[in-house]
Amino acid sequence: MRVIFLEDVPNVARAGEIKEVADGHGRNFLIPKGLAVLASSPAVNTIEIQRRIQTKEEATLAVEVLELANQLEGKEVILQAKVGAKDRLYGSVTSADIASELEKAAGLVVDKRKIELAEPIRQLGSYEVVIRLAKDIVPKIKVNVIEQETEKEAKKTEKEAKKTEKEAKETEEETG
């Protein structure tokens, strides 16, 4: 009996394959469980159409992945983190942090599971990170971890900016 497998059956066949199986196995097990259908000409035509559609979808997906890889290659991401003694971070920078920063900064959506970090980043510095988009498509990005400004430093720079702005207005009024 010739059947077309609709699902993978371990040690027998993969989905979409047309195989010859024992009559009893096909009639009593494969067909009632919906794992296969009888290989008639309309069913074979349907499977061929589904294969063509699937290959077209895979081709367009491959093009999209290549475009994303070209956009990612050489991209630089800057992450700010709180720092303690000896440039050690409070906490760490993970692949999720890198993915969210890529989305914010460049608008590129990358799944955090695709970003390969041997271990989370725990020190300031520059790191080269690999993103495995597909089996052989592996762009590299540069991740710079810098010290986050504390509130005191932010207020201090804000006051300095206001002071210089005020001085500029005064000199403008004197000359104007």
C-alpha atoms as a PDB file:
ATOM      1  CA  MET A   1       0.000   0.000   0.000  1.00  0.00           C
ATOM      2  CA  ARG A   2       1.419   3.406  -0.993  1.00  0.00           C
ATOM      3  CA  VAL A   3       0.812   6.224   1.480  1.00  0.00           C
ATOM      4  CA  ILE A   4       1.796   9.870   1.834  1.00  0.00           C
ATOM      5  CA  PHE A   5       3.014  10.711   5.329  1.00  0.00           C
ATOM      6  CA  LEU A   6       1.424  13.808   6.839  1.00  0.00           C
ATOM      7  CA  GLU A   7       3.608  13.759   9.964  1.00  0.00           C
ATOM      8  CA  ASP A   8       7.001  12.385  10.888  1.00  0.00           C
ATOM      9  CA  VAL A   9       6.821   8.772  12.055  1.00  0.00           C
ATOM     10  CA  PRO A  10      10.028   7.693  13.835  1.00  0.00           C
ATOM     11  CA  ASN A  11      11.991   4.965  12.035  1.00  0.00           C
ATOM     12  CA  VAL A  12       9.428   4.901   9.188  1.00  0.00           C
ATOM     13  CA  ALA A  13       9.259   8.165   7.221  1.00  0.00           C
ATOM     14  CA  ARG A  14       9.241  11.943   7.388  1.00  0.00           C
ATOM     15  CA  ALA A  15       6.305  14.226   6.617  1.00  0.00           C
ATOM     16  CA  GLY A  16       5.667  14.593   2.871  1.00  0.00           C
ATOM     17  CA  GLU A  17       7.358  11.333   1.880  1.00  0.00           C
ATOM     18  CA  ILE A  18       5.560   8.748  -0.266  1.00  0.00           C
ATOM     19  CA  LYS A  19       6.352   5.202   0.839  1.00  0.00           C
ATOM     20  CA  GLU A  20       5.202   1.654   0.410  1.00  0.00           C
ATOM     21  CA  VAL A  21       4.017   0.203   3.757  1.00  0.00           C
ATOM     22  CA  ALA A  22       2.384  -3.034   4.812  1.00  0.00           C
ATOM     23  CA  ASP A  23      -1.375  -3.028   4.179  1.00  0.00           C
ATOM     24  CA  GLY A  24      -2.261  -3.727   7.815  1.00  0.00           C
ATOM     25  CA  HIS A  25       0.115  -1.045   9.141  1.00  0.00           C
ATOM     26  CA  GLY A  26      -1.355   1.572   6.801  1.00  0.00           C
ATOM     27  CA  ARG A  27      -5.007   0.600   7.215  1.00  0.00           C
ATOM     28  CA  ASN A  28      -4.978  -0.048  10.982  1.00  0.00           C
ATOM     29  CA  PHE A  29      -2.462   2.466  12.302  1.00  0.00           C
ATOM     30  CA  LEU A  30      -1.225   5.218   9.960  1.00  0.00           C
ATOM     31  CA  ILE A  31      -4.474   6.286   8.273  1.00  0.00           C
ATOM     32  CA  PRO A  32      -6.799   6.139  11.363  1.00  0.00           C
ATOM     33  CA  LYS A  33      -4.323   8.174  13.449  1.00  0.00           C
ATOM     34  CA  GLY A  34      -4.006  10.801  10.695  1.00  0.00           C
ATOM     35  CA  LEU A  35      -0.307  10.137  10.195  1.00  0.00           C
ATOM     36  CA  ALA A  36      -0.723   9.273   6.500  1.00  0.00           C
ATOM     37  CA  VAL A  37      -3.209   9.244   3.634  1.00  0.00           C
ATOM     38  CA  LEU A  38      -3.615   6.869   0.730  1.00  0.00           C
ATOM     39  CA  ALA A  39      -1.360   7.928  -2.161  1.00  0.00           C
ATOM     40  CA  SER A  40      -3.921   8.824  -4.830  1.00  0.00           C
ATOM     41  CA  SER A  41      -3.129  11.222  -7.683  1.00  0.00           C
ATOM     42  CA  PRO A  42      -5.043  14.195  -6.148  1.00  0.00           C
ATOM     43  CA  ALA A  43      -3.233  13.688  -2.834  1.00  0.00           C
ATOM     44  CA  VAL A  44       0.148  13.510  -4.593  1.00  0.00           C
ATOM     45  CA  ASN A  45      -0.646  16.744  -6.467  1.00  0.00           C
ATOM     46  CA  THR A  46      -1.599  18.467  -3.213  1.00  0.00           C
ATOM     47  CA  ILE A  47       1.683  17.402  -1.585  1.00  0.00           C
ATOM     48  CA  GLU A  48       3.673  18.679  -4.587  1.00  0.00           C
ATOM     49  CA  ILE A  49       1.925  22.073  -4.393  1.00  0.00           C
ATOM     50  CA  GLN A  50       2.634  22.280  -0.648  1.00  0.00           C
ATOM     51  CA  ARG A  51       6.329  21.486  -1.287  1.00  0.00           C
ATOM     52  CA  ARG A  52       6.586  24.251  -3.890  1.00  0.00           C
ATOM     53  CA  ILE A  53       4.967  26.766  -1.545  1.00  0.00           C
ATOM     54  CA  GLN A  54       7.274  25.721   1.282  1.00  0.00           C
ATOM     55  CA  THR A  55      10.407  26.109  -0.851  1.00  0.00           C
ATOM     56  CA  LYS A  56       9.285  29.595  -1.953  1.00  0.00           C
ATOM     57  CA  GLU A  57       8.682  30.579   1.691  1.00  0.00           C
ATOM     58  CA  GLU A  58      12.090  29.225   2.695  1.00  0.00           C
ATOM     59  CA  ALA A  59      13.752  31.189  -0.119  1.00  0.00           C
ATOM     60  CA  THR A  60      12.126  34.482   0.923  1.00  0.00           C
ATOM     61  CA  LEU A  61      12.993  33.769   4.564  1.00  0.00           C
ATOM     62  CA  ALA A  62      16.635  33.165   3.581  1.00  0.00           C
ATOM     63  CA  VAL A  63      16.740  36.509   1.758  1.00  0.00           C
ATOM     64  CA  GLU A  64      15.315  38.294   4.827  1.00  0.00           C
ATOM     65  CA  VAL A  65      17.887  36.638   7.102  1.00  0.00           C
ATOM     66  CA  LEU A  66      20.728  37.668   4.759  1.00  0.00           C
ATOM     67  CA  GLU A  67      19.489  41.278   4.737  1.00  0.00           C
ATOM     68  CA  LEU A  68      19.332  41.290   8.547  1.00  0.00           C
ATOM     69  CA  ALA A  69      22.852  39.830   8.714  1.00  0.00           C
ATOM     70  CA  ASN A  70      24.166  42.575   6.403  1.00  0.00           C
ATOM     71  CA  GLN A  71      22.534  45.234   8.575  1.00  0.00           C
ATOM     72  CA  LEU A  72      23.943  43.705  11.769  1.00  0.00           C
ATOM     73  CA  GLU A  73      27.503  43.094  10.567  1.00  0.00           C
ATOM     74  CA  GLY A  74      29.875  45.557  12.221  1.00  0.00           C
ATOM     75  CA  LYS A  75      27.090  47.325  14.154  1.00  0.00           C
ATOM     76  CA  GLU A  76      28.169  48.912  17.427  1.00  0.00           C
ATOM     77  CA  VAL A  77      25.947  48.839  20.511  1.00  0.00           C
ATOM     78  CA  ILE A  78      26.620  50.987  23.566  1.00  0.00           C
ATOM     79  CA  LEU A  79      25.204  49.802  26.887  1.00  0.00           C
ATOM     80  CA  GLN A  80      25.359  51.765  30.120  1.00  0.00           C
ATOM     81  CA  ALA A  81      25.639  49.936  33.417  1.00  0.00           C
ATOM     82  CA  LYS A  82      26.223  50.772  37.061  1.00  0.00           C
ATOM     83  CA  VAL A  83      29.808  50.115  38.073  1.00  0.00           C
ATOM     84  CA  GLY A  84      31.429  49.151  41.357  1.00  0.00           C
ATOM     85  CA  ALA A  85      35.061  48.684  42.326  1.00  0.00           C
ATOM     86  CA  LYS A  86      37.647  47.638  39.705  1.00  0.00           C
ATOM     87  CA  ASP A  87      35.235  48.351  36.816  1.00  0.00           C
ATOM     88  CA  ARG A  88      33.003  45.421  37.807  1.00  0.00           C
ATOM     89  CA  LEU A  89      29.328  45.821  36.995  1.00  0.00           C
ATOM     90  CA  TYR A  90      26.480  45.618  39.477  1.00  0.00           C
ATOM     91  CA  GLY A  91      24.762  42.667  37.877  1.00  0.00           C
ATOM     92  CA  SER A  92      25.663  41.796  34.287  1.00  0.00           C
ATOM     93  CA  VAL A  93      24.873  42.474  30.645  1.00  0.00           C
ATOM     94  CA  THR A  94      22.945  39.576  29.118  1.00  0.00           C
ATOM     95  CA  SER A  95      21.849  38.664  25.619  1.00  0.00           C
ATOM     96  CA  ALA A  96      18.389  40.078  26.412  1.00  0.00           C
ATOM     97  CA  ASP A  97      19.971  43.475  27.197  1.00  0.00           C
ATOM     98  CA  ILE A  98      21.881  43.413  23.913  1.00  0.00           C
ATOM     99  CA  ALA A  99      18.756  42.430  21.946  1.00  0.00           C
ATOM    100  CA  SER A 100      16.668  45.227  23.475  1.00  0.00           C
ATOM    101  CA  GLU A 101      19.414  47.804  22.835  1.00  0.00           C
ATOM    102  CA  LEU A 102      19.729  46.651  19.206  1.00  0.00           C
ATOM    103  CA  GLU A 103      16.000  47.154  18.795  1.00  0.00           C
ATOM    104  CA  LYS A 104      16.057  50.622  20.424  1.00  0.00           C
ATOM    105  CA  ALA A 105      19.170  51.943  18.728  1.00  0.00           C
ATOM    106  CA  ALA A 106      18.991  50.424  15.255  1.00  0.00           C
ATOM    107  CA  GLY A 107      15.412  49.171  14.997  1.00  0.00           C
ATOM    108  CA  LEU A 108      16.658  45.636  14.299  1.00  0.00           C
ATOM    109  CA  VAL A 109      14.686  42.861  15.967  1.00  0.00           C
ATOM    110  CA  VAL A 110      16.899  39.944  16.986  1.00  0.00           C
ATOM    111  CA  ASP A 111      15.803  37.044  19.167  1.00  0.00           C
ATOM    112  CA  LYS A 112      17.839  36.984  22.385  1.00  0.00           C
ATOM    113  CA  ARG A 113      18.403  33.244  21.949  1.00  0.00           C
ATOM    114  CA  LYS A 114      20.313  33.939  18.715  1.00  0.00           C
ATOM    115  CA  ILE A 115      22.884  36.089  20.531  1.00  0.00           C
ATOM    116  CA  GLU A 116      25.775  33.898  21.648  1.00  0.00           C
ATOM    117  CA  LEU A 117      27.498  34.906  24.859  1.00  0.00           C
ATOM    118  CA  ALA A 118      29.781  32.367  26.521  1.00  0.00           C
ATOM    119  CA  GLU A 119      28.868  34.025  29.808  1.00  0.00           C
ATOM    120  CA  PRO A 120      27.184  37.307  30.769  1.00  0.00           C
ATOM    121  CA  ILE A 121      29.360  40.428  30.536  1.00  0.00           C
ATOM    122  CA  ARG A 122      30.403  41.584  34.023  1.00  0.00           C
ATOM    123  CA  GLN A 123      33.075  44.212  33.296  1.00  0.00           C
ATOM    124  CA  LEU A 124      33.365  47.498  31.452  1.00  0.00           C
ATOM    125  CA  GLY A 125      34.938  47.289  28.034  1.00  0.00           C
ATOM    126  CA  SER A 126      34.436  46.403  24.425  1.00  0.00           C
ATOM    127  CA  TYR A 127      33.301  42.922  23.390  1.00  0.00           C
ATOM    128  CA  GLU A 128      32.738  41.206  20.055  1.00  0.00           C
ATOM    129  CA  VAL A 129      29.464  39.266  20.118  1.00  0.00           C
ATOM    130  CA  VAL A 130      28.313  36.634  17.628  1.00  0.00           C
ATOM    131  CA  ILE A 131      24.683  36.405  16.486  1.00  0.00           C
ATOM    132  CA  ARG A 132      23.766  33.054  14.953  1.00  0.00           C
ATOM    133  CA  LEU A 133      20.836  33.844  12.633  1.00  0.00           C
ATOM    134  CA  ALA A 134      21.097  30.590  10.687  1.00  0.00           C
ATOM    135  CA  LYS A 135      23.434  27.628  10.449  1.00  0.00           C
ATOM    136  CA  ASP A 136      26.019  29.447   8.331  1.00  0.00           C
ATOM    137  CA  ILE A 137      24.899  33.085   8.726  1.00  0.00           C
ATOM    138  CA  VAL A 138      26.791  34.510  11.706  1.00  0.00           C
ATOM    139  CA  PRO A 139      27.238  38.305  11.806  1.00  0.00           C
ATOM    140  CA  LYS A 140      29.387  39.879  14.532  1.00  0.00           C
ATOM    141  CA  ILE A 141      28.586  43.060  16.419  1.00  0.00           C
ATOM    142  CA  LYS A 142      30.615  45.141  18.829  1.00  0.00           C
ATOM    143  CA  VAL A 143      29.204  45.751  22.318  1.00  0.00           C
ATOM    144  CA  ASN A 144      30.676  48.598  24.361  1.00  0.00           C
ATOM    145  CA  VAL A 145      29.815  48.590  28.057  1.00  0.00           C
ATOM    146  CA  ILE A 146      30.316  52.026  29.609  1.00  0.00           C
ATOM    147  CA  GLU A 147      29.763  53.459  33.060  1.00  0.00           C
ATOM    148  CA  GLN A 148      26.312  54.845  33.739  1.00  0.00           C
ATOM    149  CA  GLU A 149      26.159  58.418  34.985  1.00  0.00           C
ATOM    150  CA  THR A 150      25.069  58.654  38.600  1.00  0.00           C
ATOM    151  CA  GLU A 151      22.350  61.103  39.633  1.00  0.00           C
ATOM    152  CA  LYS A 152      24.880  63.451  41.278  1.00  0.00           C
ATOM    153  CA  GLU A 153      26.961  63.640  38.105  1.00  0.00           C
ATOM    154  CA  ALA A 154      23.845  64.206  36.004  1.00  0.00           C
ATOM    155  CA  LYS A 155      22.688  67.073  38.268  1.00  0.00           C
ATOM    156  CA  LYS A 156      26.185  68.556  38.232  1.00  0.00           C
ATOM    157  CA  THR A 157      26.372  68.562  34.428  1.00  0.00           C
ATOM    158  CA  GLU A 158      22.827  69.955  34.293  1.00  0.00           C
ATOM    159  CA  LYS A 159      23.798  72.834  36.615  1.00  0.00           C
ATOM    160  CA  GLU A 160      26.892  73.533  34.514  1.00  0.00           C
ATOM    161  CA  ALA A 161      24.779  73.607  31.374  1.00  0.00           C
ATOM    162  CA  LYS A 162      22.297  76.051  32.967  1.00  0.00           C
ATOM    163  CA  LYS A 163      25.169  78.223  34.181  1.00  0.00           C
ATOM    164  CA  THR A 164      26.752  78.449  30.720  1.00  0.00           C
ATOM    165  CA  GLU A 165      23.313  79.146  29.213  1.00  0.00           C
ATOM    166  CA  LYS A 166      22.744  81.963  31.723  1.00  0.00           C
ATOM    167  CA  GLU A 167      26.177  83.421  30.982  1.00  0.00           C
ATOM    168  CA  ALA A 168      25.459  83.284  27.253  1.00  0.00           C
ATOM    169  CA  LYS A 169      22.179  85.196  27.753  1.00  0.00           C
ATOM    170  CA  GLU A 170      23.947  87.848  29.858  1.00  0.00           C
ATOM    171  CA  THR A 171      26.654  88.387  27.254  1.00  0.00           C
ATOM    172  CA  GLU A 172      23.955  88.531  24.561  1.00  0.00           C
ATOM    173  CA  GLU A 173      22.060  91.210  26.505  1.00  0.00           C
ATOM    174  CA  GLU A 174      25.232  93.232  27.037  1.00  0.00           C
ATOM    175  CA  THR A 175      26.155  93.128  23.336  1.00  0.00           C
ATOM    176  CA  GLY A 176      22.586  93.396  22.071  1.00  0.00           C
END
